[in-house]
Each structure stands twice: as C-alpha cells, then as structure tokens.
Amino acid sequence: MKLLADLHVHSRASADGRSSVEALIEAAKARSLAAITVSDHDLCMPLPESPDVLLIPGVEITSANGHILGLFLDRPIDFAALGRYPAPEKAIEAIHACGGLAVLAHPFAPVKLSEEAISKLPFDAIETANARAMLKPGANEKARQLAAGLHLPGTGGSDAHCARELGGCVTEFDCEVSLSALKAALLSGQCHPVEVRACKWVWKGFSKLRRERTCGTFVSRCKALGYFAGCVLRDILKI
C-alpha cells in the first residue's frame, strides 16, 4: 500500500521545538501521514503509544560537521559516551550500533562536509527533500544529485519544529505500515521523497528565533531575525 511518512520531525524536547508528540500525532493524522520520525536534537526520548500514526524512533545528532539523522533506532544512543559534536564517523557508528539507519540531513543547507568527504562515510541515505532547505535555492536539487551520484536512497522530511510545519516534505513508500517494512524499503531504495508546501514560511522563522533566543549568541540572534524577516517577505510575495 502507498503511504506517506515525514522522516524528520522535532518535538518540544528539542530546544527549538514547540509542539508535544501528541500534537504532532494529531497533525500527522490531519495530513494523512502514516508515520513520522521523532528526531529531536541530540537526545532519544521514550515515545507514547500511537495506534493511528506509526512513530519511528529517531534522533538528529549535531556532529562536528553537520546534522546526521538516525532512523529506526531499536535502543537509545548513549550521548554521555558519544560526547558533544562527535566526528561524523563516530555519530554514524553510534547510530548503526543502535540498529538505526544513518541519513545525512540537508547536506547543502548549510554545507558542512565536502562531497568527497561524504562519499567516504557509510551513510545509508541522504535527505534530498527538506522543507527548510527549500528556502535555499538549489539545496534540495544538489542533495538529489549527490544521492544519485553515490547510489544512495533519498528521504524527505519537513524538519518541523512545530505541528503546523508537519508534512512540508515527506517520503512516499509502497509497503505495509510497520517499522521493519519501512526500514527495509528505505534500505533498498523503494521510496520516493516528495516536496510539499505545507505551511507559511513564517512558522519556520518563529522556530529559528526560538532556538537562537534559547541558546544562541548575539550574532546568531541577529541572523535569526534576518531569517525571520526573509520568511515574512516570502509569505507576503507568495514565493
């Protein structure tokens, strides 16, 4: 059966997240999503029971060279042992040790690793449709070209930091709704990332401001204000 899954979602457990997991589940139901990955920043949290929407255990690790998604984890990552800002290879190793798939998140928004460096790392997939990366012209297209060149599957995720953003980009599968089936389909490349405009850009701007207000510097807060202004302008101009 064909189904849609958002493979990159943050709850309020992340410093810049604004919605509970329960609110994310309700938003997923409203958008006819069969599954979502709860991938909070540098932490693994227990997930509630969810009979209507499959919750995929995940994480987004802030490595020394960009963000790396861990999907389909069968146990929590030991962040005390992994440490802050681990090398990408260490982050990938930790994800694989916990039964997960390592996905390079939004590789060109911003650029943190060269394409040559990426090619030498054991990623299982590359995020080629990220709703926030849609704000950077060409970022998702470059990610698609990179994945094709490396013969890796592409994934789609909203990178939502609130329920309104959910479903901004998704991954289409043709399989049963189960962790094992989705994981196998992704590993074999039997999935298709899809870009969708699910909400106004301003909500992405709010999330950015929240993160920098909580843990940013003066410079990063100024940049976040610029980002927010750009989001507002995009909504006004409808671009």
Protein backbone atom coordinates (compact mmCIF):
# COMPACT_ATOMS: atom_id res chain seq x y z
CA MET A 1 0.00 0.00 0.00
CA LYS A 2 1.18 3.54 -0.74
CA LEU A 3 1.77 5.68 2.30
CA LEU A 4 3.45 8.93 3.28
CA ALA A 5 5.91 9.38 6.13
CA ASP A 6 7.59 12.51 7.47
CA LEU A 7 11.08 11.30 8.40
CA HIS A 8 12.38 14.44 10.14
CA VAL A 9 10.30 15.94 12.94
CA HIS A 10 11.17 17.71 16.21
CA SER A 11 9.08 17.83 19.37
CA ARG A 12 9.35 20.35 22.19
CA ALA A 13 12.00 18.08 23.72
CA SER A 14 14.34 19.93 21.32
CA ALA A 15 15.38 23.40 22.47
CA ASP A 16 13.74 24.92 19.41
CA GLY A 17 10.72 22.60 19.27
CA ARG A 18 7.27 23.95 20.13
CA SER A 19 4.86 21.01 19.97
CA SER A 20 4.28 17.92 22.07
CA VAL A 21 4.50 14.49 20.48
CA GLU A 22 0.75 14.19 20.98
CA ALA A 23 0.18 17.40 18.99
CA LEU A 24 2.45 16.08 16.25
CA ILE A 25 0.43 12.87 16.10
CA GLU A 26 -2.81 14.83 15.68
CA ALA A 27 -1.23 16.95 12.93
CA ALA A 28 0.01 13.81 11.19
CA LYS A 29 -3.50 12.34 11.24
CA ALA A 30 -4.92 15.56 9.80
CA ARG A 31 -2.38 15.42 6.95
CA SER A 32 -2.98 11.70 6.29
CA LEU A 33 0.57 10.73 7.23
CA ALA A 34 1.00 7.08 8.14
CA ALA A 35 4.26 7.57 10.05
CA ILE A 36 6.58 10.24 11.44
CA THR A 37 10.11 10.08 12.82
CA VAL A 38 10.55 11.90 16.12
CA SER A 39 14.15 13.06 15.69
CA ASP A 40 14.98 15.52 18.43
CA HIS A 41 18.36 17.19 18.71
CA ASP A 42 20.94 15.04 20.49
CA LEU A 43 18.53 13.07 22.65
CA CYS A 44 16.41 9.95 22.46
CA MET A 45 13.12 10.05 24.32
CA PRO A 46 10.50 7.37 25.04
CA LEU A 47 7.60 7.55 22.61
CA PRO A 48 3.93 7.20 23.60
CA GLU A 49 1.54 4.61 22.23
CA SER A 50 0.10 5.76 18.91
CA PRO A 51 -2.41 3.42 17.24
CA ASP A 52 -3.21 5.80 14.36
CA VAL A 53 0.25 7.08 13.38
CA LEU A 54 3.39 4.94 13.45
CA LEU A 55 6.13 6.64 15.48
CA ILE A 56 9.63 5.88 14.22
CA PRO A 57 12.30 6.20 16.94
CA GLY A 58 14.96 8.61 15.77
CA VAL A 59 17.42 11.37 16.59
CA GLU A 60 19.26 14.22 14.91
CA ILE A 61 22.88 14.25 16.01
CA THR A 62 24.80 17.50 15.84
CA SER A 63 28.17 16.25 14.63
CA ALA A 64 31.32 18.32 14.22
CA ASN A 65 30.43 18.58 10.53
CA GLY A 66 26.68 18.89 10.23
CA HIS A 67 23.49 17.11 11.24
CA ILE A 68 23.01 13.37 10.92
CA LEU A 69 19.64 11.67 11.31
CA GLY A 70 19.35 8.30 13.00
CA LEU A 71 16.17 6.48 11.94
CA PHE A 72 14.62 3.24 13.23
CA LEU A 73 16.69 3.09 16.41
CA ASP A 74 16.00 -0.01 18.48
CA ARG A 75 17.55 1.49 21.61
CA PRO A 76 18.66 4.95 22.78
CA ILE A 77 22.08 6.30 21.86
CA ASP A 78 24.45 6.81 24.80
CA PHE A 79 25.19 10.51 24.39
CA ALA A 80 27.32 10.59 27.53
CA ALA A 81 29.71 8.20 25.80
CA LEU A 82 29.37 9.81 22.36
CA GLY A 83 30.03 13.33 23.64
CA ARG A 84 29.20 16.71 22.13
CA TYR A 85 29.87 17.41 18.47
CA PRO A 86 31.27 13.98 17.61
CA ALA A 87 33.08 13.33 14.35
CA PRO A 88 30.60 12.25 11.64
CA GLU A 89 32.03 8.72 11.53
CA LYS A 90 31.52 8.38 15.31
CA ALA A 91 27.92 9.58 15.04
CA ILE A 92 27.21 7.11 12.23
CA GLU A 93 28.86 4.32 14.21
CA ALA A 94 26.66 5.12 17.23
CA ILE A 95 23.51 5.07 15.07
CA HIS A 96 24.41 1.74 13.49
CA ALA A 97 25.27 0.27 16.91
CA CYS A 98 21.69 1.06 18.00
CA GLY A 99 20.17 -0.66 14.98
CA GLY A 100 19.45 2.56 13.12
CA LEU A 101 19.97 3.94 9.64
CA ALA A 102 22.27 6.95 9.26
CA VAL A 103 20.93 9.68 6.99
CA LEU A 104 22.84 12.83 6.09
CA ALA A 105 20.44 15.70 6.81
CA HIS A 106 20.08 18.73 4.49
CA PRO A 107 23.69 18.46 3.18
CA PHE A 108 23.63 21.81 1.37
CA ALA A 109 21.72 23.91 3.90
CA PRO A 110 24.30 24.71 5.10
CA VAL A 111 27.33 22.97 3.59
CA LYS A 112 29.35 21.31 6.36
CA LEU A 113 31.01 18.41 4.54
CA SER A 114 32.58 18.26 1.10
CA GLU A 115 31.09 15.83 -1.38
CA GLU A 116 34.36 13.91 -1.32
CA ALA A 117 34.18 13.57 2.48
CA ILE A 118 30.55 12.46 2.28
CA SER A 119 31.42 9.77 -0.25
CA LYS A 120 33.86 8.21 2.22
CA LEU A 121 31.34 7.93 5.07
CA PRO A 122 28.97 4.94 5.49
CA PHE A 123 25.67 6.79 5.17
CA ASP A 124 22.58 4.68 4.46
CA ALA A 125 20.69 7.52 2.76
CA ILE A 126 20.70 11.25 2.12
CA GLU A 127 17.89 13.66 2.92
CA THR A 128 17.08 15.08 -0.50
CA ALA A 129 13.79 16.84 0.31
CA ASN A 130 13.96 19.03 3.41
CA ALA A 131 11.27 21.68 3.84
CA ARG A 132 13.62 24.18 5.47
CA ALA A 133 16.24 23.66 2.76
CA MET A 134 13.60 24.83 0.27
CA LEU A 135 14.46 28.35 1.49
CA LYS A 136 17.95 27.95 -0.01
CA PRO A 137 17.69 27.84 -3.81
CA GLY A 138 19.09 24.64 -5.26
CA ALA A 139 19.89 22.97 -1.92
CA ASN A 140 17.49 20.04 -2.33
CA GLU A 141 18.36 19.61 -6.00
CA LYS A 142 22.07 19.40 -5.15
CA ALA A 143 21.23 16.83 -2.47
CA ARG A 144 19.32 14.77 -5.05
CA GLN A 145 22.28 14.88 -7.42
CA LEU A 146 24.62 13.87 -4.60
CA ALA A 147 22.45 10.90 -3.61
CA ALA A 148 22.19 9.77 -7.23
CA GLY A 149 25.94 10.02 -7.70
CA LEU A 150 26.58 7.93 -4.59
CA HIS A 151 23.76 5.46 -5.42
CA LEU A 152 22.09 6.15 -2.08
CA PRO A 153 18.35 6.39 -1.37
CA GLY A 154 16.83 9.82 -0.84
CA THR A 155 14.48 10.71 2.01
CA GLY A 156 12.02 13.52 2.61
CA GLY A 157 11.20 15.26 5.87
CA SER A 158 9.70 18.54 6.98
CA ASP A 159 12.31 19.29 9.65
CA ALA A 160 9.22 20.52 11.51
CA HIS A 161 9.73 22.28 14.81
CA CYS A 162 6.01 22.75 15.41
CA ALA A 163 2.90 20.85 14.38
CA ARG A 164 1.95 23.44 11.75
CA GLU A 165 5.12 22.60 9.78
CA LEU A 166 4.48 18.86 9.66
CA GLY A 167 4.36 17.31 6.20
CA GLY A 168 6.34 20.07 4.48
CA CYS A 169 8.38 17.36 2.78
CA VAL A 170 7.60 13.65 3.02
CA THR A 171 8.76 10.24 1.85
CA GLU A 172 6.42 8.03 -0.17
CA PHE A 173 6.57 4.28 0.43
CA ASP A 174 4.72 1.34 -1.06
CA CYS A 175 4.70 -1.18 1.76
CA GLU A 176 2.87 -2.11 4.95
CA VAL A 177 2.86 0.29 7.88
CA SER A 178 5.46 -1.25 10.17
CA LEU A 179 8.93 -0.33 11.36
CA SER A 180 10.50 -3.37 9.73
CA ALA A 181 8.77 -2.83 6.37
CA LEU A 182 9.60 0.87 6.20
CA LYS A 183 13.21 0.26 7.21
CA ALA A 184 13.64 -2.46 4.58
CA ALA A 185 12.03 -0.28 1.90
CA LEU A 186 14.34 2.63 2.71
CA LEU A 187 17.44 0.45 2.70
CA SER A 188 16.52 -0.96 -0.69
CA GLY A 189 15.67 2.43 -2.14
CA GLN A 190 11.98 1.58 -2.54
CA CYS A 191 10.88 5.06 -1.50
CA HIS A 192 10.43 8.47 -3.06
CA PRO A 193 11.00 11.89 -1.43
CA VAL A 194 8.32 14.49 -2.15
CA GLU A 195 8.42 18.28 -1.67
CA VAL A 196 5.21 19.87 -0.37
CA ARG A 197 4.36 23.40 0.77
CA ALA A 198 2.52 22.60 3.99
CA CYS A 199 2.51 25.91 5.87
CA LYS A 200 3.51 29.55 5.73
CA TRP A 201 7.24 30.25 5.88
CA VAL A 202 6.75 32.47 8.93
CA TRP A 203 6.31 29.39 11.13
CA LYS A 204 9.80 28.26 10.19
CA GLY A 205 11.05 31.73 11.08
CA PHE A 206 9.42 31.52 14.51
CA SER A 207 11.17 28.21 15.19
CA LYS A 208 14.54 29.68 14.23
CA LEU A 209 14.00 32.67 16.52
CA ARG A 210 13.01 30.40 19.40
CA ARG A 211 16.18 28.34 19.09
CA GLU A 212 18.50 31.34 19.00
CA ARG A 213 16.66 33.09 21.82
CA THR A 214 17.14 29.98 23.96
CA CYS A 215 20.75 29.07 23.22
CA GLY A 216 22.14 31.47 20.62
CA THR A 217 24.72 34.26 20.61
CA PHE A 218 24.15 37.92 19.79
CA VAL A 219 25.37 37.34 16.24
CA SER A 220 23.24 34.21 15.72
CA ARG A 221 20.18 36.03 17.07
CA CYS A 222 20.72 38.83 14.57
CA LYS A 223 20.99 36.25 11.79
CA ALA A 224 17.80 34.60 13.05
CA LEU A 225 15.99 37.95 12.83
CA GLY A 226 17.17 38.25 9.24
CA TYR A 227 15.96 34.71 8.55
CA PHE A 228 12.58 35.53 10.10
CA ALA A 229 12.28 38.71 8.02
CA GLY A 230 13.05 36.69 4.90
CA CYS A 231 10.32 34.21 5.79
CA VAL A 232 7.78 37.01 6.28
CA LEU A 233 8.77 38.54 2.93
CA ARG A 234 8.34 35.19 1.17
CA ASP A 235 4.83 34.89 2.58
CA ILE A 236 3.95 38.44 1.51
CA LEU A 237 5.29 37.88 -2.01
CA LYS A 238 3.85 34.34 -2.08
CA ILE A 239 7.13 32.74 -3.20
